[in-house]
Protein backbone atom coordinates (compact mmCIF):
# COMPACT_ATOMS: atom_id res chain seq x y z
CA UNK A 1 0.03 0.03 -0.40
CA UNK A 2 1.72 3.41 -1.31
CA UNK A 3 1.22 6.51 0.96
CA UNK A 4 0.53 9.83 0.38
CA UNK A 5 2.24 11.71 3.59
CA UNK A 6 4.87 13.98 3.37
CA UNK A 7 6.22 12.56 6.10
CA UNK A 8 6.46 9.51 8.76
CA UNK A 9 7.98 6.68 10.07
CA UNK A 10 9.20 2.73 8.41
CA UNK A 11 9.57 -0.07 11.21
CA UNK A 12 11.56 -2.38 9.54
CA UNK A 13 11.33 -5.94 10.45
CA UNK A 14 14.25 -7.49 12.21
CA UNK A 15 15.67 -9.75 10.34
CA UNK A 16 19.41 -10.11 10.69
CA UNK A 17 21.21 -8.32 8.79
CA UNK A 18 25.37 -9.60 8.19
CA UNK A 19 28.32 -7.50 9.33
CA UNK A 20 29.30 -4.92 6.30
CA UNK A 21 26.13 -5.96 4.42
CA UNK A 22 23.46 -3.57 3.20
CA UNK A 23 19.54 -4.12 2.11
CA UNK A 24 17.40 -2.00 0.10
CA UNK A 25 13.39 -1.17 -0.13
CA UNK A 26 11.48 1.16 -2.81
CA UNK A 27 9.48 3.79 -0.35
CA UNK A 28 5.85 3.96 -2.93
CA UNK A 29 4.49 8.02 -1.95
CA UNK A 30 2.72 9.44 -4.42
CA UNK A 31 4.31 13.25 -2.90
CA UNK A 32 7.42 12.47 -3.48
CA UNK A 33 8.56 13.97 -7.03
CA UNK A 34 11.82 13.16 -9.23
CA UNK A 35 13.49 16.81 -8.37
CA UNK A 36 12.57 16.16 -4.46
CA UNK A 37 15.36 16.01 -1.84
CA UNK A 38 14.27 12.93 0.87
CA UNK A 39 15.86 12.75 4.21
CA UNK A 40 16.19 9.58 5.72
CA UNK A 41 17.31 9.12 9.43
CA UNK A 42 17.25 6.82 12.41
CA UNK A 43 14.10 7.34 14.92
CA UNK A 44 14.71 4.03 17.65
CA UNK A 45 15.58 0.73 18.13
CA UNK A 46 19.30 0.57 16.76
CA UNK A 47 22.37 0.12 18.02
CA UNK A 48 24.70 3.14 18.45
CA UNK A 49 26.82 3.92 15.44
CA UNK A 50 26.00 0.39 13.70
CA UNK A 51 23.80 1.11 10.85
CA UNK A 52 23.56 3.96 7.98
CA UNK A 53 21.24 4.59 6.19
CA UNK A 54 21.14 6.64 3.15
CA UNK A 55 18.55 7.12 -0.15
CA UNK A 56 20.20 6.46 -3.45
CA UNK A 57 17.57 6.36 -5.69
CA UNK A 58 14.43 8.88 -6.40
CA UNK A 59 11.83 9.10 -8.93
CA UNK A 60 8.10 10.31 -9.67
CA UNK A 61 5.62 8.38 -6.32
CA UNK A 62 8.84 6.64 -5.00
CA UNK A 63 12.23 6.60 -3.41
CA UNK A 64 15.00 3.51 -3.02
CA UNK A 65 16.59 3.19 0.55
CA UNK A 66 19.47 1.68 1.65
CA UNK A 67 20.29 0.44 4.76
CA UNK A 68 23.40 -0.77 5.96
CA UNK A 69 25.05 -2.57 8.74
CA UNK A 70 28.80 -0.91 9.27
CA UNK A 71 29.45 -2.86 12.32
CA UNK A 72 31.28 -6.04 12.41
CA UNK A 73 28.20 -8.17 13.83
CA UNK A 74 24.88 -9.69 12.50
CA UNK A 75 22.26 -7.10 13.94
CA UNK A 76 18.72 -8.50 14.10
CA UNK A 77 17.09 -5.15 15.07
CA UNK A 78 13.56 -3.58 14.23
CA UNK A 79 14.74 -0.40 13.30
CA UNK A 80 12.18 2.66 13.07
CA UNK A 81 13.38 4.79 10.45
CA UNK A 82 11.60 8.67 10.54
CA UNK A 83 11.44 10.55 6.83
CA UNK A 84 10.40 13.20 5.35
CA UNK A 85 10.28 14.63 1.68
CA UNK A 86 11.46 18.17 0.79
CA UNK A 87 10.04 19.67 -1.77
CA UNK A 88 12.38 21.07 -4.56
CA UNK A 89 12.94 21.75 -8.03
CA UNK A 90 15.69 21.84 -10.51
CA UNK A 91 16.87 25.22 -11.51
């Protein structure tokens, strides 16, 4: 089910993520335009200094979010991510 909100939270599942590995997923949101900037951050449920979260692709109606385990151990935490869509245009 797609979202239609300019900001919100995403709760990840607690599947194991091996050390030095990343996983990506698509956030479908009708508010996103291809020229927007998507801010994403870890809100809670994460071991400090263990993860890196980025947006690595933006298109009309969606963006791709990648979460990487930068620690030396496998992690199985149900992280909560915050996201905000910053409306922008190419000038």
